[in-house]
């Protein structure tokens, strides 16, 4: 794992991250259905860059940007947020995906000091569901949401994990 790192998103990363986000491979797994415009992306970055808490990160392998991690639904009263992550590049080591999600969870608890995490994943996204369950997320009963993707209904399951559960569970994860 020492070859992987994260750093705050910078303006120089914006075009690359937007290209990743709007690629069909990534976009098809997102809850939102529209492609993000450059203007929307730039406005989002401008709003986020002044926040002292760095919630938008670039995931790197040997210093090369290969993915993105972001934290939304940030509740600094209850210390809960929703991590989201994706690999933008495809020519990456086989362990890059699981490492990306592991780091997203660890960063949320260790650096952002969250008490719990919640995320939504399309039921049809079997790979993300497997990774989330491997990391220790549990499905929240009765919290299914319906989204429209490409004109069709998609069900998203709500998943959660507490810091206490993560602290116990992460010892068993070998990367």
N, C-alpha and C. Protein backbone atom coordinates (compact mmCIF):
# COMPACT_ATOMS: atom_id res chain seq x y z
N UNK A 1 0.81 -1.20 0.00
CA UNK A 1 0.00 0.00 0.00
C UNK A 1 0.85 1.26 0.00
N UNK A 2 2.13 1.15 0.28
CA UNK A 2 2.97 2.33 0.37
C UNK A 2 3.14 3.05 -0.97
N UNK A 3 2.83 2.40 -2.08
CA UNK A 3 2.93 3.06 -3.38
C UNK A 3 1.71 3.92 -3.69
N UNK A 4 0.69 3.83 -2.83
CA UNK A 4 -0.54 4.61 -3.01
C UNK A 4 -0.53 5.80 -2.07
N UNK A 5 -1.14 6.90 -2.52
CA UNK A 5 -1.25 8.09 -1.68
C UNK A 5 -2.48 8.89 -2.10
N UNK A 6 -2.85 9.82 -1.24
CA UNK A 6 -3.90 10.78 -1.57
C UNK A 6 -3.38 12.18 -1.31
N UNK A 7 -3.94 13.11 -2.03
CA UNK A 7 -3.60 14.52 -1.83
C UNK A 7 -4.84 15.34 -2.16
N UNK A 8 -4.91 16.56 -1.63
CA UNK A 8 -6.07 17.39 -1.94
C UNK A 8 -6.19 17.66 -3.44
N UNK A 9 -7.42 17.71 -3.92
CA UNK A 9 -7.69 18.06 -5.31
C UNK A 9 -7.23 19.49 -5.55
N UNK A 10 -6.54 19.71 -6.65
CA UNK A 10 -6.06 21.03 -7.02
C UNK A 10 -6.67 21.45 -8.35
N UNK A 11 -6.59 22.73 -8.64
CA UNK A 11 -7.17 23.24 -9.89
C UNK A 11 -6.58 22.53 -11.10
N UNK A 12 -5.31 22.20 -11.05
CA UNK A 12 -4.66 21.53 -12.18
C UNK A 12 -5.26 20.14 -12.46
N UNK A 13 -5.99 19.57 -11.49
CA UNK A 13 -6.59 18.24 -11.64
C UNK A 13 -7.99 18.28 -12.24
N UNK A 14 -8.58 19.44 -12.35
CA UNK A 14 -10.00 19.54 -12.67
C UNK A 14 -10.38 18.90 -14.00
N UNK A 15 -9.64 19.16 -15.06
CA UNK A 15 -9.99 18.60 -16.37
C UNK A 15 -9.91 17.07 -16.34
N UNK A 16 -8.88 16.55 -15.74
CA UNK A 16 -8.70 15.10 -15.64
C UNK A 16 -9.84 14.45 -14.85
N UNK A 17 -10.17 15.02 -13.70
CA UNK A 17 -11.23 14.47 -12.85
C UNK A 17 -12.59 14.57 -13.55
N UNK A 18 -12.84 15.65 -14.26
CA UNK A 18 -14.09 15.78 -15.00
C UNK A 18 -14.17 14.72 -16.11
N UNK A 19 -13.07 14.51 -16.81
CA UNK A 19 -13.05 13.47 -17.85
C UNK A 19 -13.34 12.10 -17.25
N UNK A 20 -12.73 11.80 -16.10
CA UNK A 20 -13.00 10.52 -15.43
C UNK A 20 -14.48 10.44 -15.06
N UNK A 21 -14.98 11.49 -14.42
CA UNK A 21 -16.35 11.50 -13.90
C UNK A 21 -17.38 11.32 -15.00
N UNK A 22 -17.13 11.90 -16.16
CA UNK A 22 -18.07 11.83 -17.25
C UNK A 22 -17.84 10.64 -18.18
N UNK A 23 -16.80 9.84 -17.94
CA UNK A 23 -16.59 8.65 -18.76
C UNK A 23 -17.75 7.69 -18.51
N UNK A 24 -18.13 6.94 -19.51
CA UNK A 24 -19.27 6.03 -19.38
C UNK A 24 -19.05 5.01 -18.26
N UNK A 25 -17.82 4.54 -18.12
CA UNK A 25 -17.49 3.54 -17.10
C UNK A 25 -17.78 4.06 -15.70
N UNK A 26 -17.49 5.32 -15.42
CA UNK A 26 -17.73 5.92 -14.10
C UNK A 26 -19.15 6.47 -14.02
N UNK A 27 -19.55 7.22 -15.02
CA UNK A 27 -20.86 7.89 -15.01
C UNK A 27 -22.01 6.90 -14.82
N UNK A 28 -21.89 5.73 -15.40
CA UNK A 28 -22.97 4.74 -15.32
C UNK A 28 -23.22 4.25 -13.90
N UNK A 29 -22.25 4.42 -13.01
CA UNK A 29 -22.39 3.97 -11.62
C UNK A 29 -22.79 5.10 -10.67
N UNK A 30 -22.86 6.33 -11.18
CA UNK A 30 -23.20 7.48 -10.35
C UNK A 30 -24.71 7.58 -10.14
N UNK A 31 -25.11 8.15 -9.02
CA UNK A 31 -26.52 8.33 -8.73
C UNK A 31 -27.16 9.37 -9.63
N UNK A 32 -26.40 10.38 -10.02
CA UNK A 32 -26.93 11.41 -10.90
C UNK A 32 -26.91 10.92 -12.34
N UNK A 33 -27.84 11.44 -13.14
CA UNK A 33 -27.98 10.93 -14.50
C UNK A 33 -27.36 11.84 -15.56
N UNK A 34 -27.12 13.10 -15.23
CA UNK A 34 -26.61 14.00 -16.27
C UNK A 34 -25.09 14.08 -16.24
N UNK A 35 -24.54 14.40 -17.41
CA UNK A 35 -23.10 14.63 -17.51
C UNK A 35 -22.81 16.02 -16.93
N UNK A 36 -21.73 16.11 -16.20
CA UNK A 36 -21.35 17.36 -15.55
C UNK A 36 -20.67 18.27 -16.58
N UNK A 37 -21.11 19.52 -16.64
CA UNK A 37 -20.48 20.48 -17.55
C UNK A 37 -19.22 21.06 -16.89
N UNK A 38 -18.37 21.66 -17.72
CA UNK A 38 -17.18 22.31 -17.20
C UNK A 38 -17.56 23.42 -16.22
N UNK A 39 -18.59 24.18 -16.54
CA UNK A 39 -19.03 25.29 -15.68
C UNK A 39 -19.50 24.76 -14.31
N UNK A 40 -20.27 23.69 -14.31
CA UNK A 40 -20.72 23.08 -13.05
C UNK A 40 -19.53 22.58 -12.23
N UNK A 41 -18.62 21.95 -12.93
CA UNK A 41 -17.43 21.37 -12.28
C UNK A 41 -16.57 22.47 -11.64
N UNK A 42 -16.34 23.53 -12.39
CA UNK A 42 -15.54 24.64 -11.90
C UNK A 42 -16.22 25.33 -10.72
N UNK A 43 -17.54 25.52 -10.79
CA UNK A 43 -18.28 26.15 -9.69
C UNK A 43 -18.22 25.27 -8.44
N UNK A 44 -18.35 23.96 -8.61
CA UNK A 44 -18.23 23.02 -7.49
C UNK A 44 -16.85 23.15 -6.83
N UNK A 45 -15.81 23.19 -7.65
CA UNK A 45 -14.45 23.31 -7.12
C UNK A 45 -14.26 24.63 -6.38
N UNK A 46 -14.76 25.71 -6.94
CA UNK A 46 -14.62 27.03 -6.30
C UNK A 46 -15.29 27.02 -4.92
N UNK A 47 -16.47 26.40 -4.83
CA UNK A 47 -17.17 26.32 -3.54
C UNK A 47 -16.38 25.47 -2.54
N UNK A 48 -15.78 24.40 -3.01
CA UNK A 48 -15.14 23.46 -2.10
C UNK A 48 -13.73 23.87 -1.69
N UNK A 49 -13.04 24.63 -2.51
CA UNK A 49 -11.62 24.90 -2.21
C UNK A 49 -11.41 25.79 -1.00
N UNK A 50 -12.41 26.58 -0.64
CA UNK A 50 -12.27 27.45 0.52
C UNK A 50 -12.56 26.74 1.83
N UNK A 51 -13.06 25.52 1.75
CA UNK A 51 -13.36 24.76 2.96
C UNK A 51 -12.05 24.29 3.59
N UNK A 52 -11.83 24.57 4.87
CA UNK A 52 -10.58 24.13 5.51
C UNK A 52 -10.48 22.61 5.64
N UNK A 53 -11.62 21.91 5.60
CA UNK A 53 -11.61 20.45 5.66
C UNK A 53 -11.52 19.93 4.23
N UNK A 54 -10.43 19.23 3.93
CA UNK A 54 -10.21 18.74 2.57
C UNK A 54 -11.04 17.48 2.35
N UNK A 55 -12.11 17.64 1.55
CA UNK A 55 -13.04 16.54 1.31
C UNK A 55 -13.02 16.04 -0.12
N UNK A 56 -12.10 16.55 -0.93
CA UNK A 56 -11.96 16.13 -2.32
C UNK A 56 -10.49 15.81 -2.55
N UNK A 57 -10.23 14.54 -2.84
CA UNK A 57 -8.86 14.06 -2.91
C UNK A 57 -8.57 13.37 -4.24
N UNK A 58 -7.32 13.44 -4.64
CA UNK A 58 -6.85 12.69 -5.79
C UNK A 58 -6.09 11.48 -5.24
N UNK A 59 -6.44 10.32 -5.78
CA UNK A 59 -5.82 9.05 -5.39
C UNK A 59 -4.71 8.76 -6.40
N UNK A 60 -3.50 8.53 -5.89
CA UNK A 60 -2.34 8.36 -6.77
C UNK A 60 -1.67 7.01 -6.55
N UNK A 61 -1.07 6.52 -7.63
CA UNK A 61 -0.22 5.34 -7.58
C UNK A 61 1.16 5.78 -8.06
N UNK A 62 2.15 5.62 -7.21
CA UNK A 62 3.52 6.06 -7.51
C UNK A 62 3.52 7.51 -7.99
N UNK A 63 2.69 8.35 -7.38
CA UNK A 63 2.63 9.76 -7.70
C UNK A 63 1.75 10.11 -8.88
N UNK A 64 1.25 9.12 -9.63
CA UNK A 64 0.41 9.37 -10.81
C UNK A 64 -1.06 9.35 -10.41
N UNK A 65 -1.81 10.41 -10.72
CA UNK A 65 -3.25 10.42 -10.41
C UNK A 65 -3.97 9.30 -11.16
N UNK A 66 -4.73 8.49 -10.38
CA UNK A 66 -5.48 7.40 -11.01
C UNK A 66 -6.93 7.35 -10.55
N UNK A 67 -7.30 8.17 -9.56
CA UNK A 67 -8.67 8.12 -9.08
C UNK A 67 -9.03 9.31 -8.21
N UNK A 68 -10.25 9.27 -7.74
CA UNK A 68 -10.81 10.37 -6.97
C UNK A 68 -11.54 9.83 -5.74
N UNK A 69 -11.45 10.57 -4.64
CA UNK A 69 -12.21 10.29 -3.42
C UNK A 69 -12.86 11.60 -2.99
N UNK A 70 -14.14 11.52 -2.69
CA UNK A 70 -14.84 12.71 -2.22
C UNK A 70 -15.81 12.35 -1.10
N UNK A 71 -16.09 13.31 -0.25
CA UNK A 71 -16.97 13.10 0.90
C UNK A 71 -18.13 14.09 0.81
N UNK A 72 -19.34 13.57 0.69
CA UNK A 72 -20.54 14.40 0.60
C UNK A 72 -21.42 14.12 1.81
N UNK A 73 -22.57 14.78 1.84
CA UNK A 73 -23.51 14.62 2.96
C UNK A 73 -22.77 14.80 4.29
N UNK A 74 -21.86 15.76 4.31
CA UNK A 74 -20.97 15.99 5.45
C UNK A 74 -21.73 16.66 6.58
N UNK A 75 -21.83 15.97 7.69
CA UNK A 75 -22.54 16.46 8.87
C UNK A 75 -21.53 16.58 10.00
N UNK A 76 -21.04 17.82 10.23
CA UNK A 76 -20.00 17.99 11.25
C UNK A 76 -20.55 18.11 12.66
N UNK A 77 -21.87 18.01 12.82
CA UNK A 77 -22.47 17.95 14.16
C UNK A 77 -22.49 16.48 14.62
N UNK A 78 -23.02 15.61 13.77
CA UNK A 78 -23.10 14.19 14.11
C UNK A 78 -21.88 13.40 13.65
N UNK A 79 -20.99 14.06 12.92
CA UNK A 79 -19.76 13.47 12.40
C UNK A 79 -20.04 12.23 11.54
N UNK A 80 -20.86 12.48 10.52
CA UNK A 80 -21.24 11.46 9.54
C UNK A 80 -21.02 12.05 8.16
N UNK A 81 -20.56 11.23 7.23
CA UNK A 81 -20.46 11.66 5.84
C UNK A 81 -20.61 10.46 4.92
N UNK A 82 -20.65 10.75 3.65
CA UNK A 82 -20.80 9.72 2.63
C UNK A 82 -19.58 9.73 1.72
N UNK A 83 -18.70 8.73 1.84
CA UNK A 83 -17.55 8.69 0.93
C UNK A 83 -17.95 8.15 -0.43
N UNK A 84 -17.34 8.70 -1.44
CA UNK A 84 -17.51 8.20 -2.79
C UNK A 84 -16.14 8.15 -3.43
N UNK A 85 -15.92 7.15 -4.26
CA UNK A 85 -14.60 7.01 -4.87
C UNK A 85 -14.73 6.28 -6.19
N UNK A 86 -13.81 6.58 -7.08
CA UNK A 86 -13.75 5.82 -8.33
C UNK A 86 -12.34 5.89 -8.90
N UNK A 87 -12.00 4.83 -9.63
CA UNK A 87 -10.77 4.82 -10.40
C UNK A 87 -11.06 5.50 -11.72
N UNK A 88 -10.26 6.49 -12.06
CA UNK A 88 -10.41 7.15 -13.35
C UNK A 88 -9.62 6.45 -14.43
N UNK A 89 -8.49 5.92 -14.07
CA UNK A 89 -7.61 5.23 -15.01
C UNK A 89 -7.90 3.73 -14.99
N UNK A 90 -7.63 3.08 -16.11
CA UNK A 90 -7.86 1.64 -16.19
C UNK A 90 -6.56 0.83 -16.18
N UNK A 91 -5.45 1.46 -16.53
CA UNK A 91 -4.16 0.76 -16.52
C UNK A 91 -3.51 0.92 -15.14
N UNK A 92 -4.08 0.21 -14.18
CA UNK A 92 -3.66 0.32 -12.79
C UNK A 92 -3.41 -1.08 -12.23
N UNK A 93 -2.68 -1.18 -11.13
CA UNK A 93 -2.47 -2.49 -10.50
C UNK A 93 -3.80 -3.12 -10.08
N UNK A 94 -3.81 -4.41 -10.00
CA UNK A 94 -5.03 -5.16 -9.70
C UNK A 94 -5.61 -4.79 -8.33
N UNK A 95 -4.77 -4.36 -7.39
CA UNK A 95 -5.27 -4.03 -6.05
C UNK A 95 -5.67 -2.56 -5.91
N UNK A 96 -5.63 -1.79 -6.99
CA UNK A 96 -5.91 -0.36 -6.90
C UNK A 96 -7.33 -0.07 -6.43
N UNK A 97 -8.32 -0.81 -6.91
CA UNK A 97 -9.71 -0.55 -6.55
C UNK A 97 -9.97 -0.76 -5.07
N UNK A 98 -9.57 -1.89 -4.56
CA UNK A 98 -9.81 -2.18 -3.14
C UNK A 98 -9.00 -1.23 -2.26
N UNK A 99 -7.80 -0.89 -2.69
CA UNK A 99 -6.98 0.06 -1.92
C UNK A 99 -7.62 1.43 -1.90
N UNK A 100 -8.18 1.86 -3.04
CA UNK A 100 -8.87 3.14 -3.12
C UNK A 100 -10.00 3.22 -2.09
N UNK A 101 -10.84 2.18 -2.04
CA UNK A 101 -11.97 2.20 -1.11
C UNK A 101 -11.50 2.08 0.35
N UNK A 102 -10.47 1.29 0.59
CA UNK A 102 -9.91 1.17 1.95
C UNK A 102 -9.42 2.54 2.43
N UNK A 103 -8.66 3.22 1.58
CA UNK A 103 -8.13 4.53 1.95
C UNK A 103 -9.26 5.53 2.15
N UNK A 104 -10.31 5.46 1.33
CA UNK A 104 -11.46 6.37 1.49
C UNK A 104 -12.09 6.22 2.87
N UNK A 105 -12.23 4.98 3.33
CA UNK A 105 -12.82 4.73 4.65
C UNK A 105 -11.84 5.14 5.75
N UNK A 106 -10.61 4.73 5.64
CA UNK A 106 -9.61 5.05 6.68
C UNK A 106 -9.43 6.56 6.81
N UNK A 107 -9.36 7.28 5.71
CA UNK A 107 -9.20 8.73 5.74
C UNK A 107 -10.39 9.38 6.46
N UNK A 108 -11.59 8.90 6.16
CA UNK A 108 -12.80 9.48 6.79
C UNK A 108 -12.75 9.35 8.30
N UNK A 109 -12.32 8.19 8.78
CA UNK A 109 -12.27 7.99 10.22
C UNK A 109 -11.02 8.61 10.86
N UNK A 110 -9.87 8.45 10.26
CA UNK A 110 -8.62 8.91 10.86
C UNK A 110 -8.37 10.40 10.68
N UNK A 111 -8.68 10.94 9.51
CA UNK A 111 -8.36 12.34 9.23
C UNK A 111 -9.56 13.29 9.40
N UNK A 112 -10.74 12.81 9.02
CA UNK A 112 -11.93 13.66 9.14
C UNK A 112 -12.65 13.45 10.47
N UNK A 113 -12.23 12.42 11.21
CA UNK A 113 -12.76 12.11 12.54
C UNK A 113 -14.27 11.82 12.55
N UNK A 114 -14.72 11.14 11.52
CA UNK A 114 -16.13 10.75 11.44
C UNK A 114 -16.45 9.66 12.47
N UNK A 115 -17.68 9.65 12.93
CA UNK A 115 -18.15 8.59 13.84
C UNK A 115 -18.79 7.46 13.06
N UNK A 116 -19.36 7.80 11.89
CA UNK A 116 -19.92 6.77 11.03
C UNK A 116 -19.96 7.25 9.59
N UNK A 117 -20.08 6.30 8.69
CA UNK A 117 -20.15 6.57 7.26
C UNK A 117 -21.44 5.98 6.72
N UNK A 118 -22.00 6.65 5.74
CA UNK A 118 -23.16 6.14 5.03
C UNK A 118 -22.93 6.37 3.55
N UNK A 119 -23.35 5.43 2.74
CA UNK A 119 -23.20 5.56 1.30
C UNK A 119 -24.34 4.86 0.61
N UNK A 120 -24.61 5.25 -0.62
CA UNK A 120 -25.65 4.61 -1.42
C UNK A 120 -24.98 3.95 -2.62
N UNK A 121 -25.40 2.73 -2.91
CA UNK A 121 -24.82 1.96 -4.01
C UNK A 121 -25.95 1.32 -4.79
N UNK A 122 -25.88 1.42 -6.11
CA UNK A 122 -26.88 0.74 -6.92
C UNK A 122 -26.83 -0.76 -6.66
N UNK A 123 -27.99 -1.33 -6.46
CA UNK A 123 -28.10 -2.77 -6.22
C UNK A 123 -27.47 -3.56 -7.37
N UNK A 124 -27.54 -3.02 -8.57
CA UNK A 124 -26.98 -3.68 -9.75
C UNK A 124 -25.45 -3.59 -9.83
N UNK A 125 -24.84 -2.73 -9.01
CA UNK A 125 -23.39 -2.55 -9.03
C UNK A 125 -22.75 -3.60 -8.10
N UNK A 126 -22.71 -4.81 -8.59
CA UNK A 126 -22.25 -5.96 -7.78
C UNK A 126 -20.83 -5.79 -7.27
N UNK A 127 -19.96 -5.23 -8.10
CA UNK A 127 -18.57 -5.06 -7.69
C UNK A 127 -18.45 -4.11 -6.50
N UNK A 128 -19.13 -2.97 -6.56
CA UNK A 128 -19.08 -2.01 -5.44
C UNK A 128 -19.73 -2.61 -4.20
N UNK A 129 -20.81 -3.35 -4.37
CA UNK A 129 -21.47 -3.99 -3.22
C UNK A 129 -20.52 -4.98 -2.54
N UNK A 130 -19.80 -5.78 -3.33
CA UNK A 130 -18.84 -6.74 -2.77
C UNK A 130 -17.74 -6.03 -1.99
N UNK A 131 -17.22 -4.96 -2.57
CA UNK A 131 -16.15 -4.21 -1.91
C UNK A 131 -16.66 -3.59 -0.62
N UNK A 132 -17.83 -2.95 -0.67
CA UNK A 132 -18.38 -2.33 0.54
C UNK A 132 -18.59 -3.37 1.64
N UNK A 133 -19.14 -4.50 1.31
CA UNK A 133 -19.37 -5.55 2.32
C UNK A 133 -18.04 -6.10 2.83
N UNK A 134 -17.06 -6.26 1.95
CA UNK A 134 -15.73 -6.71 2.36
C UNK A 134 -15.12 -5.75 3.37
N UNK A 135 -15.33 -4.45 3.15
CA UNK A 135 -14.78 -3.44 4.05
C UNK A 135 -15.54 -3.33 5.36
N UNK A 136 -16.74 -3.88 5.40
CA UNK A 136 -17.49 -3.87 6.66
C UNK A 136 -18.77 -3.07 6.66
N UNK A 137 -19.14 -2.49 5.53
CA UNK A 137 -20.43 -1.80 5.46
C UNK A 137 -21.55 -2.81 5.62
N UNK A 138 -22.62 -2.33 6.24
CA UNK A 138 -23.83 -3.15 6.41
C UNK A 138 -24.99 -2.41 5.74
N UNK A 139 -25.88 -3.18 5.16
CA UNK A 139 -27.06 -2.59 4.53
C UNK A 139 -27.99 -2.04 5.61
N UNK A 140 -28.52 -0.84 5.38
CA UNK A 140 -29.47 -0.22 6.30
C UNK A 140 -30.87 -0.64 5.84
N UNK A 141 -31.56 -1.47 6.62
CA UNK A 141 -32.89 -1.95 6.21
C UNK A 141 -33.88 -0.80 6.01
N UNK A 142 -34.69 -0.92 4.96
CA UNK A 142 -35.73 0.06 4.70
C UNK A 142 -35.25 1.37 4.12
N UNK A 143 -33.99 1.47 3.73
CA UNK A 143 -33.44 2.73 3.22
C UNK A 143 -33.12 2.67 1.72
N UNK A 144 -33.87 1.84 1.00
CA UNK A 144 -33.68 1.79 -0.45
C UNK A 144 -34.19 3.08 -1.08
N UNK A 145 -33.51 3.54 -2.12
CA UNK A 145 -33.93 4.72 -2.86
C UNK A 145 -34.02 4.36 -4.33
N UNK A 146 -34.97 4.97 -5.04
CA UNK A 146 -35.13 4.72 -6.46
C UNK A 146 -34.61 5.93 -7.23
N UNK A 147 -33.75 5.67 -8.19
CA UNK A 147 -33.19 6.71 -9.06
C UNK A 147 -33.56 6.37 -10.50
N UNK A 148 -33.56 7.36 -11.34
CA UNK A 148 -33.77 7.15 -12.77
C UNK A 148 -32.42 7.28 -13.46
N UNK A 149 -32.00 6.20 -14.09
CA UNK A 149 -30.74 6.18 -14.85
C UNK A 149 -31.08 5.73 -16.26
N UNK A 150 -30.73 6.56 -17.23
CA UNK A 150 -30.99 6.24 -18.64
C UNK A 150 -32.46 5.88 -18.87
N UNK A 151 -33.34 6.58 -18.18
CA UNK A 151 -34.76 6.38 -18.36
C UNK A 151 -35.33 5.16 -17.65
N UNK A 152 -34.52 4.48 -16.87
CA UNK A 152 -34.98 3.28 -16.16
C UNK A 152 -34.78 3.46 -14.66
N UNK A 153 -35.65 2.81 -13.89
CA UNK A 153 -35.51 2.85 -12.44
C UNK A 153 -34.35 1.97 -11.98
N UNK A 154 -33.56 2.52 -11.09
CA UNK A 154 -32.46 1.78 -10.46
C UNK A 154 -32.63 1.91 -8.96
N UNK A 155 -32.46 0.82 -8.25
CA UNK A 155 -32.57 0.82 -6.79
C UNK A 155 -31.18 0.96 -6.19
N UNK A 156 -31.06 1.92 -5.27
CA UNK A 156 -29.81 2.11 -4.54
C UNK A 156 -30.04 1.68 -3.09
N UNK A 157 -29.12 0.90 -2.58
CA UNK A 157 -29.17 0.47 -1.19
C UNK A 157 -28.33 1.41 -0.35
N UNK A 158 -28.79 1.70 0.85
CA UNK A 158 -28.04 2.54 1.77
C UNK A 158 -27.20 1.62 2.64
N UNK A 159 -25.92 1.93 2.74
CA UNK A 159 -24.97 1.14 3.51
C UNK A 159 -24.37 2.03 4.59
N UNK A 160 -24.03 1.44 5.73
CA UNK A 160 -23.40 2.24 6.79
C UNK A 160 -22.35 1.43 7.52
N UNK A 161 -21.49 2.18 8.22
CA UNK A 161 -20.43 1.58 9.02
C UNK A 161 -20.05 2.56 10.13
N UNK A 162 -19.92 2.06 11.34
CA UNK A 162 -19.48 2.91 12.45
C UNK A 162 -17.96 2.84 12.58
N UNK A 163 -17.38 3.84 13.22
CA UNK A 163 -15.94 3.83 13.45
C UNK A 163 -15.55 2.65 14.32
N UNK A 164 -16.36 2.33 15.32
CA UNK A 164 -16.05 1.19 16.20
C UNK A 164 -16.00 -0.10 15.41
N UNK A 165 -16.97 -0.29 14.50
CA UNK A 165 -16.97 -1.49 13.66
C UNK A 165 -15.75 -1.51 12.74
N UNK A 166 -15.40 -0.35 12.18
CA UNK A 166 -14.23 -0.27 11.31
C UNK A 166 -12.96 -0.62 12.07
N UNK A 167 -12.81 -0.06 13.26
CA UNK A 167 -11.60 -0.34 14.05
C UNK A 167 -11.44 -1.83 14.32
N UNK A 168 -12.54 -2.52 14.55
CA UNK A 168 -12.49 -3.97 14.77
C UNK A 168 -12.24 -4.73 13.47
N UNK A 169 -12.95 -4.33 12.43
CA UNK A 169 -12.94 -5.06 11.18
C UNK A 169 -11.65 -4.88 10.37
N UNK A 170 -11.07 -3.69 10.37
CA UNK A 170 -9.94 -3.43 9.48
C UNK A 170 -8.71 -4.27 9.81
N UNK A 171 -8.63 -4.77 11.03
CA UNK A 171 -7.51 -5.64 11.39
C UNK A 171 -7.50 -6.94 10.59
N UNK A 172 -8.69 -7.35 10.17
CA UNK A 172 -8.82 -8.61 9.42
C UNK A 172 -8.59 -8.42 7.91
N UNK A 173 -8.54 -7.18 7.47
CA UNK A 173 -8.36 -6.90 6.04
C UNK A 173 -6.87 -6.89 5.73
N UNK A 174 -6.49 -7.72 4.81
CA UNK A 174 -5.09 -7.78 4.38
C UNK A 174 -5.02 -7.28 2.95
N UNK A 175 -4.31 -6.18 2.75
CA UNK A 175 -4.15 -5.63 1.40
C UNK A 175 -2.74 -5.85 0.92
